[in-house]
N, C-alpha and C. Protein backbone atom coordinates (compact mmCIF):
# COMPACT_ATOMS: atom_id res chain seq x y z
N SER A 1 -3.79 16.61 40.03
CA SER A 1 -5.28 16.44 39.60
C SER A 1 -5.46 15.41 38.15
N GLU A 2 -6.51 14.85 38.28
CA GLU A 2 -6.92 14.00 37.41
C GLU A 2 -6.74 14.25 36.16
N TRP A 3 -7.45 15.62 35.64
CA TRP A 3 -7.39 16.66 34.43
C TRP A 3 -6.40 17.09 34.31
N PHE A 4 -5.61 17.01 33.01
CA PHE A 4 -4.46 18.05 32.64
C PHE A 4 -4.93 19.40 32.53
N GLY A 5 -6.11 19.69 31.25
CA GLY A 5 -6.28 20.60 30.63
C GLY A 5 -7.70 20.92 30.55
N GLY A 6 -8.69 19.76 31.47
CA GLY A 6 -10.19 20.15 31.70
C GLY A 6 -11.12 19.88 30.70
N ILE A 7 -11.61 20.21 30.34
CA ILE A 7 -13.00 19.35 29.17
C ILE A 7 -13.45 20.60 28.53
N THR A 8 -13.09 20.68 27.16
CA THR A 8 -13.93 21.25 26.46
C THR A 8 -14.57 20.75 25.29
N GLU A 9 -15.38 21.17 24.53
CA GLU A 9 -16.13 20.81 22.96
C GLU A 9 -17.47 19.94 23.45
N PRO A 10 -18.23 20.00 24.65
CA PRO A 10 -18.87 19.13 24.82
C PRO A 10 -20.45 19.36 23.98
N ASN A 11 -20.59 18.33 23.98
CA ASN A 11 -21.80 17.75 23.00
C ASN A 11 -22.88 16.94 22.91
N TRP A 12 -24.32 17.22 23.11
CA TRP A 12 -25.21 16.46 23.80
C TRP A 12 -25.87 15.62 23.03
N SER A 13 -26.35 14.58 23.37
CA SER A 13 -27.06 13.36 22.17
C SER A 13 -28.53 14.02 22.06
N PRO A 14 -28.77 13.06 20.83
CA PRO A 14 -30.27 13.79 20.79
C PRO A 14 -31.40 13.73 21.49
N ASP A 15 -31.22 12.92 22.50
CA ASP A 15 -32.49 12.82 23.62
C ASP A 15 -31.90 13.50 24.98
N GLY A 16 -30.80 14.30 25.11
CA GLY A 16 -30.19 14.75 26.06
C GLY A 16 -29.79 14.03 27.14
N ALA A 17 -29.50 12.48 27.37
CA ALA A 17 -29.33 11.56 28.19
C ALA A 17 -27.84 11.88 28.50
N TRP A 18 -26.96 11.96 27.51
CA TRP A 18 -25.53 11.78 27.15
C TRP A 18 -24.83 13.13 26.81
N VAL A 19 -23.34 13.55 27.25
CA VAL A 19 -23.11 14.51 26.85
C VAL A 19 -21.39 13.74 26.29
N VAL A 20 -20.85 13.88 25.16
CA VAL A 20 -19.61 13.68 24.74
C VAL A 20 -18.72 14.85 24.82
N TYR A 21 -17.57 14.55 25.07
CA TYR A 21 -16.55 15.81 25.49
C TYR A 21 -15.05 15.20 25.03
N CYS A 22 -14.33 16.25 25.22
CA CYS A 22 -12.60 15.80 24.75
C CYS A 22 -12.33 16.21 26.18
N ARG A 23 -11.29 15.48 26.74
CA ARG A 23 -10.80 15.67 27.87
C ARG A 23 -9.47 15.69 27.84
N ARG A 24 -8.64 16.71 28.22
CA ARG A 24 -7.37 16.84 28.20
C ARG A 24 -6.47 16.34 29.35
N ASP A 25 -6.12 15.06 29.07
CA ASP A 25 -5.69 14.45 30.72
C ASP A 25 -4.08 13.89 30.25
N ALA A 26 -3.49 14.32 29.31
CA ALA A 26 -2.11 14.10 29.51
C ALA A 26 -1.37 15.24 28.68
N ARG A 27 -0.07 15.40 28.50
CA ARG A 27 0.53 16.42 27.77
C ARG A 27 0.50 15.97 26.10
N LYS A 28 0.03 14.72 25.74
CA LYS A 28 0.45 14.66 24.46
C LYS A 28 -1.03 14.29 23.93
N GLY A 29 -2.05 14.47 24.51
CA GLY A 29 -3.30 14.37 23.22
C GLY A 29 -4.48 14.55 24.17
N ALA A 30 -5.87 14.00 23.65
CA ALA A 30 -6.90 14.79 24.52
C ALA A 30 -7.63 13.03 24.49
N SER A 31 -8.50 12.85 25.21
CA SER A 31 -9.41 11.65 25.31
C SER A 31 -11.03 12.21 24.68
N ILE A 32 -11.60 11.38 23.95
CA ILE A 32 -13.32 11.59 24.00
C ILE A 32 -13.82 10.74 24.78
N VAL A 33 -14.47 11.25 25.94
CA VAL A 33 -15.33 10.80 26.91
C VAL A 33 -16.72 10.70 26.57
N LEU A 34 -17.57 10.04 27.02
CA LEU A 34 -18.80 10.33 26.74
C LEU A 34 -19.79 9.81 28.30
N MET A 35 -20.62 10.79 28.91
CA MET A 35 -20.82 10.76 30.40
C MET A 35 -22.33 10.35 30.22
N HIS A 36 -23.09 9.71 30.77
CA HIS A 36 -24.92 9.57 30.89
C HIS A 36 -24.84 10.65 32.36
N LEU A 37 -25.72 11.32 31.91
CA LEU A 37 -26.13 12.05 33.01
C LEU A 37 -26.60 12.06 34.02
N GLU A 38 -27.57 11.19 33.66
CA GLU A 38 -28.65 11.03 34.90
C GLU A 38 -27.73 9.98 36.12
N SER A 39 -26.74 8.91 35.41
CA SER A 39 -25.97 7.43 36.07
C SER A 39 -24.58 8.42 36.54
N ALA A 40 -24.31 9.15 35.61
CA ALA A 40 -22.75 9.80 35.77
C ALA A 40 -21.86 8.47 35.56
N GLU A 41 -22.30 7.76 34.74
CA GLU A 41 -21.06 6.36 34.18
C GLU A 41 -20.21 7.43 33.01
N ARG A 42 -19.14 7.13 33.23
CA ARG A 42 -18.27 7.85 32.25
C ARG A 42 -17.76 6.54 31.01
N VAL A 43 -17.48 6.65 29.96
CA VAL A 43 -16.92 6.04 29.02
C VAL A 43 -16.12 6.39 28.20
N VAL A 44 -14.54 6.10 28.13
CA VAL A 44 -13.48 6.75 27.33
C VAL A 44 -13.68 5.95 25.71
N VAL A 45 -13.69 6.89 25.47
CA VAL A 45 -13.99 6.16 23.61
C VAL A 45 -12.83 6.03 23.07
N ALA A 46 -12.14 7.00 23.29
CA ALA A 46 -10.55 7.45 22.56
C ALA A 46 -9.64 8.16 23.51
N ASP A 47 -9.03 7.34 23.78
CA ASP A 47 -7.74 7.80 24.97
C ASP A 47 -6.91 8.79 24.24
N SER A 48 -5.89 9.43 25.21
CA SER A 48 -4.90 10.49 24.74
C SER A 48 -4.08 10.22 24.10
N THR A 49 -4.00 8.86 23.86
CA THR A 49 -3.09 8.42 23.03
C THR A 49 -2.63 9.55 21.84
N TYR A 50 -3.65 9.89 21.26
CA TYR A 50 -3.74 10.73 20.01
C TYR A 50 -4.43 12.10 20.17
N GLU A 51 -4.27 12.83 19.44
CA GLU A 51 -4.87 14.32 19.49
C GLU A 51 -6.25 13.98 18.83
N ASN A 52 -7.17 13.93 20.00
CA ASN A 52 -8.53 14.05 19.33
C ASN A 52 -9.82 15.30 19.31
N SER A 53 -10.63 15.49 18.94
CA SER A 53 -11.07 16.62 18.71
C SER A 53 -12.24 16.60 18.32
N GLY A 54 -13.27 17.64 18.47
CA GLY A 54 -14.59 17.51 17.64
C GLY A 54 -15.78 16.75 17.65
N PRO A 55 -15.79 15.90 19.16
CA PRO A 55 -17.25 14.99 18.76
C PRO A 55 -18.36 15.57 18.76
N SER A 56 -19.05 14.60 18.50
CA SER A 56 -20.36 14.94 17.86
C SER A 56 -21.26 13.88 17.59
N PHE A 57 -22.61 13.48 18.14
CA PHE A 57 -23.39 12.49 17.86
C PHE A 57 -23.98 12.78 16.25
N ASN A 58 -24.31 11.88 15.55
CA ASN A 58 -25.27 11.91 14.49
C ASN A 58 -26.64 12.35 15.08
N CYS A 59 -27.69 12.57 13.99
CA CYS A 59 -29.17 13.08 14.32
C CYS A 59 -29.68 12.10 15.20
N ASP A 60 -29.39 10.78 14.84
CA ASP A 60 -30.32 9.82 15.49
C ASP A 60 -29.60 9.19 16.70
N GLY A 61 -28.61 9.45 17.00
CA GLY A 61 -27.83 9.01 18.45
C GLY A 61 -27.02 7.48 18.11
N ASN A 62 -26.79 7.38 16.85
CA ASN A 62 -26.84 5.78 16.82
C ASN A 62 -24.85 5.91 16.31
N PHE A 63 -24.32 6.76 16.15
CA PHE A 63 -22.76 7.12 15.91
C PHE A 63 -22.27 8.28 16.65
N LEU A 64 -20.68 8.21 16.71
CA LEU A 64 -20.36 9.41 17.15
C LEU A 64 -19.09 9.72 16.28
N SER A 65 -18.87 10.76 15.95
CA SER A 65 -18.05 10.93 15.24
C SER A 65 -16.59 12.53 15.87
N PHE A 66 -15.79 11.82 15.20
CA PHE A 66 -14.86 12.98 16.30
C PHE A 66 -13.54 12.96 15.15
N PHE A 67 -12.76 13.87 15.31
CA PHE A 67 -11.46 14.00 14.83
C PHE A 67 -10.67 13.42 15.50
N SER A 68 -9.32 12.93 14.67
CA SER A 68 -8.04 12.77 15.72
C SER A 68 -6.94 12.81 14.60
N SER A 69 -5.76 12.80 15.08
CA SER A 69 -4.33 13.16 14.43
C SER A 69 -3.87 11.64 14.81
N ARG A 70 -4.20 10.64 13.83
CA ARG A 70 -3.39 9.40 14.87
C ARG A 70 -3.01 8.99 13.01
N SER A 71 -2.68 9.16 12.26
CA SER A 71 -1.70 8.71 11.18
C SER A 71 -0.59 9.44 10.76
N PHE A 72 0.03 8.55 10.98
CA PHE A 72 1.69 9.49 10.53
C PHE A 72 2.33 9.52 9.31
N ALA A 73 1.43 9.38 8.28
CA ALA A 73 1.71 9.51 7.00
C ALA A 73 2.20 10.98 6.72
N PRO A 74 3.09 11.09 5.78
CA PRO A 74 3.60 12.16 5.18
C PRO A 74 2.54 12.94 4.04
N LEU A 75 2.91 14.28 4.33
CA LEU A 75 1.81 14.94 3.09
C LEU A 75 2.80 15.66 2.34
N ASP A 76 2.43 16.19 1.43
CA ASP A 76 3.18 16.76 0.28
C ASP A 76 3.17 18.21 0.65
N GLN A 77 4.33 18.73 0.44
CA GLN A 77 4.76 20.37 0.82
C GLN A 77 4.18 21.19 -0.35
N GLU A 78 3.51 22.32 0.30
CA GLU A 78 2.52 23.07 -0.93
C GLU A 78 3.79 24.04 -2.11
N PHE A 79 4.84 24.22 -1.45
CA PHE A 79 5.88 25.40 -1.55
C PHE A 79 7.30 24.54 -1.89
N SER A 80 7.83 23.07 -1.91
CA SER A 80 8.83 22.68 -1.88
C SER A 80 8.52 21.35 -2.29
N PRO A 81 9.48 20.35 -2.99
CA PRO A 81 9.04 19.17 -3.13
C PRO A 81 9.54 17.86 -1.87
N ASP A 82 9.18 18.58 -0.83
CA ASP A 82 9.70 17.81 0.26
C ASP A 82 8.34 17.33 0.91
N MET A 83 8.73 16.38 1.80
CA MET A 83 7.22 16.35 2.69
C MET A 83 7.85 16.33 4.05
N HIS A 84 6.45 16.81 4.68
CA HIS A 84 6.35 17.15 5.97
C HIS A 84 5.45 16.20 6.34
N PHE A 85 5.58 16.25 8.09
CA PHE A 85 4.12 15.76 8.86
C PHE A 85 3.61 16.80 9.47
N SER A 86 2.36 17.24 9.04
CA SER A 86 1.63 18.21 9.80
C SER A 86 0.88 17.82 10.82
N SER A 87 1.22 19.02 11.97
CA SER A 87 0.80 18.41 13.50
C SER A 87 -0.74 18.42 13.29
N SER A 88 -1.63 19.13 11.67
CA SER A 88 -2.70 19.28 12.26
C SER A 88 -3.28 18.31 11.06
N SER A 89 -2.79 17.21 10.50
CA SER A 89 -3.41 16.56 9.64
C SER A 89 -4.02 15.40 10.52
N GLN A 90 -5.62 15.47 10.14
CA GLN A 90 -6.41 14.86 11.12
C GLN A 90 -7.25 14.00 10.18
N LEU A 91 -7.73 12.95 10.52
CA LEU A 91 -8.83 12.33 9.87
C LEU A 91 -10.09 12.21 10.77
N PRO A 92 -11.47 12.49 10.33
CA PRO A 92 -12.57 11.93 10.59
C PRO A 92 -13.14 10.55 11.23
N TYR A 93 -13.26 10.14 12.44
CA TYR A 93 -13.57 8.68 12.75
C TYR A 93 -15.13 9.02 13.44
N LEU A 94 -15.71 7.44 13.22
CA LEU A 94 -17.01 7.07 13.01
C LEU A 94 -16.97 5.95 14.36
N VAL A 95 -17.86 6.58 15.26
CA VAL A 95 -17.37 5.24 16.28
C VAL A 95 -19.10 4.63 16.54
N LEU A 96 -19.16 3.41 16.47
CA LEU A 96 -20.68 2.45 16.30
C LEU A 96 -20.72 2.40 18.08
N LEU A 97 -21.85 3.01 18.35
CA LEU A 97 -22.31 3.41 19.94
C LEU A 97 -22.78 1.72 20.23
N ARG A 98 -23.34 1.15 19.66
CA ARG A 98 -24.16 -0.29 19.96
C ARG A 98 -23.24 -1.59 19.25
N ASN A 99 -22.98 -2.26 19.95
CA ASN A 99 -21.81 -3.53 19.48
C ASN A 99 -22.84 -4.61 18.19
N ASN A 100 -24.27 -4.18 18.01
CA ASN A 100 -24.60 -4.53 16.94
C ASN A 100 -25.14 -3.65 15.92
N SER A 101 -24.30 -2.53 15.76
CA SER A 101 -24.72 -1.64 14.85
C SER A 101 -23.67 -2.34 13.68
N SER A 102 -23.85 -1.85 12.25
CA SER A 102 -23.54 -2.46 11.20
C SER A 102 -22.68 -1.41 10.57
N ASN A 103 -21.70 -1.56 9.97
CA ASN A 103 -20.61 -0.44 9.39
C ASN A 103 -21.20 0.04 8.26
N PRO A 104 -21.46 1.38 8.64
CA PRO A 104 -22.32 2.23 7.54
C PRO A 104 -21.10 2.76 6.58
N PHE A 105 -19.95 2.23 6.43
CA PHE A 105 -19.07 2.23 5.19
C PHE A 105 -19.33 1.29 4.21
N LYS A 106 -19.67 0.22 4.77
CA LYS A 106 -19.85 -1.26 3.68
C LYS A 106 -21.16 -1.50 3.20
N ARG A 107 -21.41 -0.94 2.24
CA ARG A 107 -22.43 -1.20 1.77
C ARG A 107 -23.57 -2.70 1.56
N ASN A 108 -24.25 -3.17 2.00
CA ASN A 108 -24.86 -4.65 1.83
C ASN A 108 -25.96 -4.72 0.87
N ARG A 109 -25.29 -5.73 -0.45
CA ARG A 109 -26.20 -5.76 -1.62
C ARG A 109 -27.22 -6.95 -1.07
N ARG A 110 -28.64 -6.22 -1.56
CA ARG A 110 -29.62 -6.84 -1.27
C ARG A 110 -30.01 -7.67 -2.18
N SER A 111 -30.47 -8.91 -2.55
CA SER A 111 -30.79 -9.71 -3.49
C SER A 111 -32.48 -9.61 -3.40
N GLU A 112 -32.64 -10.38 -4.53
CA GLU A 112 -34.18 -10.01 -4.84
C GLU A 112 -35.31 -11.29 -3.43
N VAL A 113 -33.99 -12.23 -3.43
CA VAL A 113 -34.84 -12.99 -2.02
C VAL A 113 -35.01 -12.21 -0.98
N ASP A 114 -34.09 -11.33 -0.82
CA ASP A 114 -33.47 -11.23 0.98
C ASP A 114 -35.35 -9.34 1.00
N ASP A 115 -35.64 -9.02 -0.63
CA ASP A 115 -36.61 -8.48 -0.20
C ASP A 115 -37.70 -8.98 0.23
N ASP A 116 -38.75 -8.09 1.12
CA ASP A 116 -39.90 -8.29 1.60
C ASP A 116 -40.94 -8.80 0.60
N GLU A 117 -41.32 -10.26 0.44
CA GLU A 117 -41.92 -10.63 -0.69
C GLU A 117 -43.48 -10.43 -0.07
N ASP A 118 -43.88 -10.32 0.87
CA ASP A 118 -45.13 -10.13 1.48
C ASP A 118 -45.84 -8.70 1.58
N GLY A 119 -44.73 -7.85 0.92
CA GLY A 119 -45.17 -6.75 1.49
C GLY A 119 -45.23 -6.09 2.68
N GLU A 120 -44.98 -6.51 3.64
CA GLU A 120 -44.91 -6.05 5.04
C GLU A 120 -43.67 -5.49 5.40
N GLY A 121 -43.87 -4.14 5.76
CA GLY A 121 -42.54 -3.63 6.41
C GLY A 121 -41.69 -4.66 7.51
N GLY A 122 -40.51 -4.44 6.71
CA GLY A 122 -39.61 -5.36 8.12
C GLY A 122 -39.15 -4.80 9.15
N ASP A 123 -39.89 -4.97 10.21
CA ASP A 123 -39.43 -4.71 11.89
C ASP A 123 -38.38 -5.62 12.14
N GLU A 124 -38.05 -6.72 11.28
CA GLU A 124 -37.01 -7.28 11.89
C GLU A 124 -35.52 -6.74 12.69
N ALA A 125 -35.51 -5.03 12.16
CA ALA A 125 -34.06 -4.40 12.36
C ALA A 125 -34.27 -4.24 13.85
N SER A 126 -35.36 -3.68 13.97
CA SER A 126 -35.92 -3.27 15.35
C SER A 126 -35.41 -4.40 16.32
N GLU A 127 -35.89 -5.24 15.80
CA GLU A 127 -36.04 -6.74 17.20
C GLU A 127 -34.29 -6.83 17.17
N GLU A 128 -33.87 -6.90 15.77
CA GLU A 128 -31.99 -6.92 15.99
C GLU A 128 -31.23 -6.40 16.55
N ASP A 129 -31.81 -5.06 16.75
CA ASP A 129 -31.13 -4.23 17.48
C ASP A 129 -31.06 -4.18 18.93
N GLY A 130 -31.47 -5.52 19.44
CA GLY A 130 -31.77 -5.59 20.66
C GLY A 130 -33.17 -5.13 21.66
N GLY A 131 -34.02 -4.33 20.66
CA GLY A 131 -35.32 -4.08 21.15
C GLY A 131 -35.22 -2.68 22.12
N GLU A 132 -34.29 -1.37 21.64
CA GLU A 132 -33.94 -0.44 22.13
C GLU A 132 -34.86 0.10 21.96
N ASP A 133 -35.27 1.22 22.73
CA ASP A 133 -36.55 2.29 22.91
C ASP A 133 -36.17 3.28 21.75
N GLU A 134 -37.10 3.59 20.91
CA GLU A 134 -36.95 4.27 19.65
C GLU A 134 -36.53 5.40 20.32
N GLY A 135 -35.62 6.15 19.75
CA GLY A 135 -35.44 7.77 20.14
C GLY A 135 -34.75 8.23 21.55
N LEU A 136 -34.10 6.57 21.90
CA LEU A 136 -33.31 7.05 23.17
C LEU A 136 -31.86 6.74 23.03
N VAL A 137 -30.76 7.07 23.01
CA VAL A 137 -29.36 6.88 22.55
C VAL A 137 -29.20 5.86 23.49
N SER A 138 -28.32 4.61 22.75
CA SER A 138 -28.33 3.57 23.44
C SER A 138 -26.42 3.74 23.55
N VAL A 139 -25.75 3.13 24.37
CA VAL A 139 -24.18 2.80 24.43
C VAL A 139 -23.83 1.50 25.15
N HIS A 140 -23.12 1.03 24.14
CA HIS A 140 -22.46 -0.22 24.64
C HIS A 140 -21.33 -0.27 24.77
N ALA A 141 -20.74 -0.05 26.41
CA ALA A 141 -19.59 0.62 26.58
C ALA A 141 -18.52 -0.59 26.24
N GLN A 142 -18.32 -1.79 26.24
CA GLN A 142 -17.65 -2.56 26.11
C GLN A 142 -17.39 -3.19 25.21
N GLY A 143 -16.16 -2.74 24.68
CA GLY A 143 -15.11 -2.89 23.34
C GLY A 143 -15.46 -1.60 22.68
N ILE A 144 -15.97 -0.64 23.26
CA ILE A 144 -16.64 0.73 22.02
C ILE A 144 -15.18 1.21 21.52
N SER A 145 -14.16 0.71 21.81
CA SER A 145 -13.03 1.93 21.23
C SER A 145 -12.22 0.67 20.11
N ASP A 146 -12.87 -0.71 19.94
CA ASP A 146 -12.73 -1.66 18.72
C ASP A 146 -13.67 -1.31 17.81
N ARG A 147 -14.62 -0.48 18.27
CA ARG A 147 -15.87 0.11 17.03
C ARG A 147 -15.48 1.52 16.66
N ILE A 148 -14.02 1.97 16.67
CA ILE A 148 -13.92 3.09 15.59
C ILE A 148 -13.22 2.85 14.77
N LEU A 149 -14.53 3.55 13.77
CA LEU A 149 -13.82 3.40 12.27
C LEU A 149 -13.69 4.54 11.51
N GLN A 150 -11.94 4.35 10.47
CA GLN A 150 -11.98 5.90 10.08
C GLN A 150 -12.40 5.79 8.65
N PHE A 151 -13.16 7.28 8.59
CA PHE A 151 -13.93 7.47 7.20
C PHE A 151 -13.00 7.01 6.15
N PRO A 152 -13.56 6.85 4.92
CA PRO A 152 -12.87 6.65 4.20
C PRO A 152 -12.54 7.56 3.14
N VAL A 153 -11.67 8.46 3.56
CA VAL A 153 -11.09 9.66 2.74
C VAL A 153 -10.06 9.62 3.09
N GLU A 154 -9.30 10.73 2.15
CA GLU A 154 -7.59 10.86 2.35
C GLU A 154 -7.06 11.72 3.58
N LEU A 155 -5.93 11.37 4.24
CA LEU A 155 -5.38 12.27 5.21
C LEU A 155 -5.50 13.71 4.33
N GLY A 156 -5.61 14.58 5.53
CA GLY A 156 -5.96 15.81 5.19
C GLY A 156 -6.29 16.78 6.52
N GLU A 157 -6.43 18.39 5.89
CA GLU A 157 -6.80 19.03 7.54
C GLU A 157 -8.07 19.12 7.63
N TYR A 158 -9.09 18.43 8.11
CA TYR A 158 -10.36 18.87 8.19
C TYR A 158 -10.78 19.31 9.26
N LYS A 159 -11.88 20.17 9.32
CA LYS A 159 -12.34 20.88 10.55
C LYS A 159 -13.99 20.56 10.68
N SER A 160 -14.37 20.86 11.39
CA SER A 160 -15.72 20.77 12.05
C SER A 160 -16.42 22.39 12.25
């Protein structure tokens, strides 16, 4: 069989055009897969090298978040001075679905010169986004695994 343990944790995009799910396709982990429902196009966002779980779209469909056990840092043990590697130690990750999306964890400092001086609202952002239809989720598949960002939090046991 192509898949070891089937599909789990499906989650639909805000526009209903995409579904993201976990696919256990190896004994060692689970992939995060996006599927466009109309075309049946599948995009592997994160492969099964790691244990991935909990995929979810944000409310406007620009990002995908999930948990992954891909950090092998030791944790302090609660009852003894020893360190251990918890199998449930996960970090949250964010995927930029479009290749022209900016990193939401980096704040852009705006100078007064950057502010719109003529008082007209800047529509430049929508033009820079490639003219995507508002409200529709757009996924740029090429290089998507390079657009996985770790949330700036410490290693821990996070749950959805």
